Amino acid sequence: MKRKNSINRSISALAALGLLGACSTVEDAPRGEAAYAAIPPAPAIGMDYRIAPDDVLRIQVYHEPDLSLEDAQVTATGMVRMPLVGDISVAGLTSGEAADVVAGRLGQRYLVSPQVTLFVKKAVGRRVTLDGEVREPGLYPVEGRLTLLQAVALAKGPTRLAGLNQVVVVRQLDGQRQAALFDLAAIRKGKAPDPEILPGDRVIVGLSRAKAILGGALLAVPALATGFIALDGGR
């Protein structure tokens, strides 16, 4: 019976997602089970993090202290400057991938089989934006796993007149901004799950504020694609 109920809930969520194919405004962002179905699993913290502009890196080249860097800041264009080899593009790479790129550049002309380790000391890219009817809107760092309730708390909580049953979460998926709608009041009462917020997400409390902030209409996405509604132009 439990398995049957679970299947029925999944079908209901998928059906709700399918009905969104013709949606065109922010009010039509998926909500309820459809909104939760829209949130993909969070990536593992640490190893899967991808380097972003302004991050600070520690780059160690084994047995080469003069080539090692303790506080290498990634430029706005995603580059890090290394001794001998100059600028190397690292934005969008994991620590392991970036270390391999650095080792490859050093091995082309200067070292034989260089061993490089790279660690993100300050992950500026791990931030979320809190906006709308919250007491202190702004950018906030994400140190670990973060739920919607915790994210709103970072901004000192909602304002007294905030529309808690209409909280929009905007996420970048496949090159497009996408949105889902959640009921924070129900989450607070334990009547709905508390979704996970990922680095790069934007949380806007209050549907009217979300419409004013985001501007423009929402475009429909293919049925069952993600459950999020794509924002105009993917910008």
Protein backbone atom coordinates (compact mmCIF):
# COMPACT_ATOMS: atom_id res chain seq x y z
CA MET A 1 0.00 0.00 0.00
CA LYS A 2 2.85 2.38 0.87
CA ARG A 3 4.48 1.64 -2.48
CA LYS A 4 1.18 2.30 -4.29
CA ASN A 5 0.70 5.62 -2.47
CA SER A 6 4.25 6.65 -3.32
CA ILE A 7 3.68 5.85 -6.99
CA ASN A 8 0.43 7.80 -6.98
CA ARG A 9 2.16 10.83 -5.47
CA SER A 10 4.93 10.64 -8.07
CA ILE A 11 2.38 10.43 -10.88
CA SER A 12 0.51 13.41 -9.44
CA ALA A 13 3.72 15.45 -9.29
CA LEU A 14 4.65 14.54 -12.85
CA ALA A 15 1.16 15.35 -14.07
CA ALA A 16 1.37 18.73 -12.40
CA LEU A 17 4.67 19.33 -14.14
CA GLY A 18 3.19 18.35 -17.47
CA LEU A 19 0.38 20.86 -17.11
CA LEU A 20 2.93 23.62 -16.87
CA GLY A 21 3.81 23.41 -20.56
CA ALA A 22 1.47 26.30 -21.36
CA CYS A 23 2.37 28.56 -18.43
CA SER A 24 3.61 32.04 -19.16
CA THR A 25 3.72 34.09 -15.95
CA VAL A 26 5.47 33.96 -12.60
CA GLU A 27 2.21 33.01 -10.86
CA ASP A 28 2.35 29.75 -12.82
CA ALA A 29 5.69 28.63 -11.39
CA PRO A 30 5.28 25.07 -10.09
CA ARG A 31 4.25 24.71 -6.46
CA GLY A 32 3.39 21.95 -4.03
CA GLU A 33 4.67 18.51 -5.04
CA ALA A 34 5.61 19.85 -8.47
CA ALA A 35 7.93 22.43 -6.89
CA TYR A 36 9.67 19.79 -4.79
CA ALA A 37 10.01 17.52 -7.81
CA ALA A 38 11.73 20.43 -9.53
CA ILE A 39 14.61 20.63 -7.05
CA PRO A 40 17.37 18.23 -8.13
CA PRO A 41 19.65 16.60 -5.53
CA ALA A 42 22.40 18.84 -4.20
CA PRO A 43 25.94 18.07 -5.37
CA ALA A 44 28.39 16.83 -2.79
CA ILE A 45 30.00 19.66 -0.85
CA GLY A 46 33.68 20.09 -1.54
CA MET A 47 34.90 17.84 -4.35
CA ASP A 48 32.15 18.85 -6.79
CA TYR A 49 32.41 22.58 -6.13
CA ARG A 50 33.35 24.50 -9.27
CA ILE A 51 35.72 27.42 -8.99
CA ALA A 52 34.19 30.86 -9.51
CA PRO A 53 35.62 34.37 -10.10
CA ASP A 54 37.00 35.99 -6.93
CA ASP A 55 37.55 32.63 -5.20
CA VAL A 56 40.87 32.36 -3.34
CA LEU A 57 42.98 29.26 -4.03
CA ARG A 58 45.97 27.53 -2.46
CA ILE A 59 48.11 25.97 -5.20
CA GLN A 60 50.97 23.72 -4.15
CA VAL A 61 53.54 22.33 -6.56
CA TYR A 62 55.39 19.43 -4.96
CA HIS A 63 59.06 20.23 -4.27
CA GLU A 64 58.65 23.64 -5.96
CA PRO A 65 57.93 26.27 -3.26
CA ASP A 66 58.75 29.13 -5.64
CA LEU A 67 55.95 27.97 -7.94
CA SER A 68 53.43 27.43 -5.15
CA LEU A 69 50.84 30.05 -4.19
CA GLU A 70 49.16 30.47 -0.80
CA ASP A 71 46.49 33.03 -1.72
CA ALA A 72 45.85 33.03 -5.46
CA GLN A 73 42.71 34.99 -6.28
CA VAL A 74 40.71 34.06 -9.35
CA THR A 75 40.18 37.11 -11.56
CA ALA A 76 36.81 38.39 -12.77
CA THR A 77 37.51 36.60 -16.06
CA GLY A 78 38.13 33.27 -14.28
CA MET A 79 41.93 33.23 -14.54
CA VAL A 80 44.65 32.55 -11.99
CA ARG A 81 48.19 33.81 -12.56
CA MET A 82 50.98 31.27 -12.01
CA PRO A 83 54.74 31.86 -11.97
CA LEU A 84 56.46 30.95 -15.27
CA VAL A 85 53.29 30.04 -17.16
CA GLY A 86 51.13 33.15 -16.60
CA ASP A 87 47.33 33.18 -16.65
CA ILE A 88 45.45 29.88 -16.53
CA SER A 89 41.68 29.59 -16.88
CA VAL A 90 40.22 27.75 -13.88
CA ALA A 91 36.64 29.07 -13.50
CA GLY A 92 34.06 26.32 -13.86
CA LEU A 93 36.55 23.58 -12.95
CA THR A 94 36.66 21.45 -9.81
CA SER A 95 39.79 21.60 -7.65
CA GLY A 96 41.06 18.35 -9.14
CA GLU A 97 40.43 19.48 -12.70
CA ALA A 98 42.15 22.82 -12.09
CA ALA A 99 45.16 21.07 -10.52
CA ASP A 100 45.47 18.88 -13.62
CA VAL A 101 45.35 21.95 -15.89
CA VAL A 102 48.05 23.71 -13.86
CA ALA A 103 50.21 20.56 -13.89
CA GLY A 104 49.75 20.25 -17.63
CA ARG A 105 50.89 23.81 -18.25
CA LEU A 106 53.93 23.42 -16.01
CA GLY A 107 54.79 20.09 -17.61
CA GLN A 108 54.76 21.48 -21.14
CA ARG A 109 58.05 23.35 -20.76
CA TYR A 110 59.36 23.60 -17.21
CA LEU A 111 58.87 20.47 -15.07
CA VAL A 112 58.85 16.73 -15.57
CA SER A 113 55.64 15.12 -14.28
CA PRO A 114 54.78 17.95 -11.84
CA GLN A 115 52.55 17.08 -8.89
CA VAL A 116 50.04 19.81 -8.13
CA THR A 117 47.40 20.05 -5.42
CA LEU A 118 44.81 22.81 -5.40
CA PHE A 119 42.47 23.80 -2.57
CA VAL A 120 39.72 26.42 -2.52
CA LYS A 121 40.45 28.52 0.57
CA LYS A 122 37.63 31.00 0.06
CA ALA A 123 34.66 29.99 -2.07
CA VAL A 124 33.12 33.32 -2.99
CA GLY A 125 31.03 31.54 -5.60
CA ARG A 126 29.15 29.68 -2.86
CA ARG A 127 26.58 32.40 -2.27
CA VAL A 128 22.82 32.77 -2.35
CA THR A 129 20.78 35.92 -2.92
CA LEU A 130 17.94 36.79 -0.52
CA ASP A 131 15.49 39.35 -1.83
CA GLY A 132 11.93 40.59 -1.55
CA GLU A 133 10.11 40.81 1.79
CA VAL A 134 13.06 39.98 4.06
CA ARG A 135 14.60 42.24 6.68
CA GLU A 136 18.12 42.35 5.23
CA PRO A 137 18.23 41.51 1.49
CA GLY A 138 21.63 40.71 0.06
CA LEU A 139 24.23 38.09 -0.86
CA TYR A 140 25.00 35.46 1.77
CA PRO A 141 27.76 32.80 1.82
CA VAL A 142 26.84 29.11 1.87
CA GLU A 143 29.19 27.24 4.17
CA GLY A 144 27.43 23.86 4.06
CA ARG A 145 24.04 22.47 3.21
CA LEU A 146 21.25 25.04 3.39
CA THR A 147 17.46 24.78 3.48
CA LEU A 148 14.91 27.40 2.47
CA LEU A 149 14.06 28.19 6.10
CA GLN A 150 17.75 28.61 6.92
CA ALA A 151 18.30 30.79 3.87
CA VAL A 152 15.51 33.20 4.88
CA ALA A 153 16.94 33.28 8.40
CA LEU A 154 20.27 34.50 6.96
CA ALA A 155 18.43 37.69 5.91
CA LYS A 156 17.15 38.13 9.49
CA GLY A 157 13.82 36.59 8.55
CA PRO A 158 10.79 37.84 6.64
CA THR A 159 9.22 41.24 7.19
CA ARG A 160 6.03 41.52 9.26
CA LEU A 161 3.80 41.67 6.19
CA ALA A 162 5.70 39.16 4.06
CA GLY A 163 3.73 36.78 1.82
CA LEU A 164 5.11 33.57 3.29
CA ASN A 165 2.93 31.29 1.17
CA GLN A 166 4.50 32.66 -2.02
CA VAL A 167 8.29 32.29 -1.90
CA VAL A 168 10.02 32.02 -5.27
CA VAL A 169 13.28 30.10 -5.67
CA VAL A 170 15.21 30.94 -8.85
CA ARG A 171 17.91 28.57 -10.05
CA GLN A 172 20.22 28.40 -13.07
CA LEU A 173 19.66 25.15 -14.93
CA ASP A 174 21.10 24.32 -18.35
CA GLY A 175 21.87 27.96 -19.08
CA GLN A 176 18.42 29.25 -18.12
CA ARG A 177 17.02 30.87 -15.00
CA GLN A 178 14.19 28.73 -13.73
CA ALA A 179 11.72 29.24 -10.89
CA ALA A 180 9.59 27.27 -8.42
CA LEU A 181 7.11 28.48 -5.79
CA PHE A 182 7.05 27.33 -2.15
CA ASP A 183 4.83 27.85 0.92
CA LEU A 184 7.17 28.95 3.70
CA ALA A 185 4.32 29.16 6.20
CA ALA A 186 3.52 25.48 5.67
CA ILE A 187 7.21 24.59 5.92
CA ARG A 188 7.48 26.43 9.25
CA LYS A 189 4.55 24.43 10.63
CA GLY A 190 6.07 21.16 9.50
CA LYS A 191 3.29 20.60 6.96
CA ALA A 192 5.62 20.70 3.96
CA PRO A 193 9.24 19.64 3.37
CA ASP A 194 12.00 22.23 3.64
CA PRO A 195 13.72 22.24 0.21
CA GLU A 196 17.47 22.53 -0.20
CA ILE A 197 18.88 25.80 -1.50
CA LEU A 198 22.04 25.58 -3.62
CA PRO A 199 24.85 28.09 -4.18
CA GLY A 200 23.81 30.50 -6.89
CA ASP A 201 20.10 30.29 -6.04
CA ARG A 202 17.99 33.41 -5.58
CA VAL A 203 15.22 33.36 -2.97
CA ILE A 204 12.52 36.03 -3.27
CA VAL A 205 9.91 36.28 -0.53
CA GLY A 206 6.54 37.51 -1.81
CA LEU A 207 5.12 36.86 -5.26
CA SER A 208 4.43 40.54 -6.02
CA ARG A 209 8.03 41.40 -5.16
CA ALA A 210 9.27 38.51 -7.28
CA LYS A 211 7.34 39.78 -10.29
CA ALA A 212 8.74 43.30 -9.77
CA ILE A 213 12.31 42.06 -9.31
CA LEU A 214 12.39 39.48 -12.10
CA GLY A 215 10.34 41.46 -14.61
CA GLY A 216 9.00 40.08 -17.87
CA ALA A 217 7.00 36.93 -18.41
CA LEU A 218 8.00 33.37 -17.75
CA LEU A 219 8.39 31.09 -20.74
CA ALA A 220 6.99 27.58 -20.78
CA VAL A 221 9.43 24.68 -20.59
CA PRO A 222 8.89 21.29 -22.25
CA ALA A 223 6.51 19.11 -20.27
CA LEU A 224 8.28 17.03 -17.60
CA ALA A 225 11.63 18.68 -18.41
CA THR A 226 12.56 19.96 -14.95
CA GLY A 227 9.46 21.28 -13.25
CA PHE A 228 10.92 24.77 -13.07
CA ILE A 229 9.50 27.47 -15.33
CA ALA A 230 12.19 29.09 -17.49
CA LEU A 231 12.55 32.83 -17.09
CA ASP A 232 12.41 35.05 -20.16
CA GLY A 233 15.54 34.86 -22.26
CA GLY A 234 17.42 32.65 -19.80
CA ARG A 235 19.10 35.75 -18.41
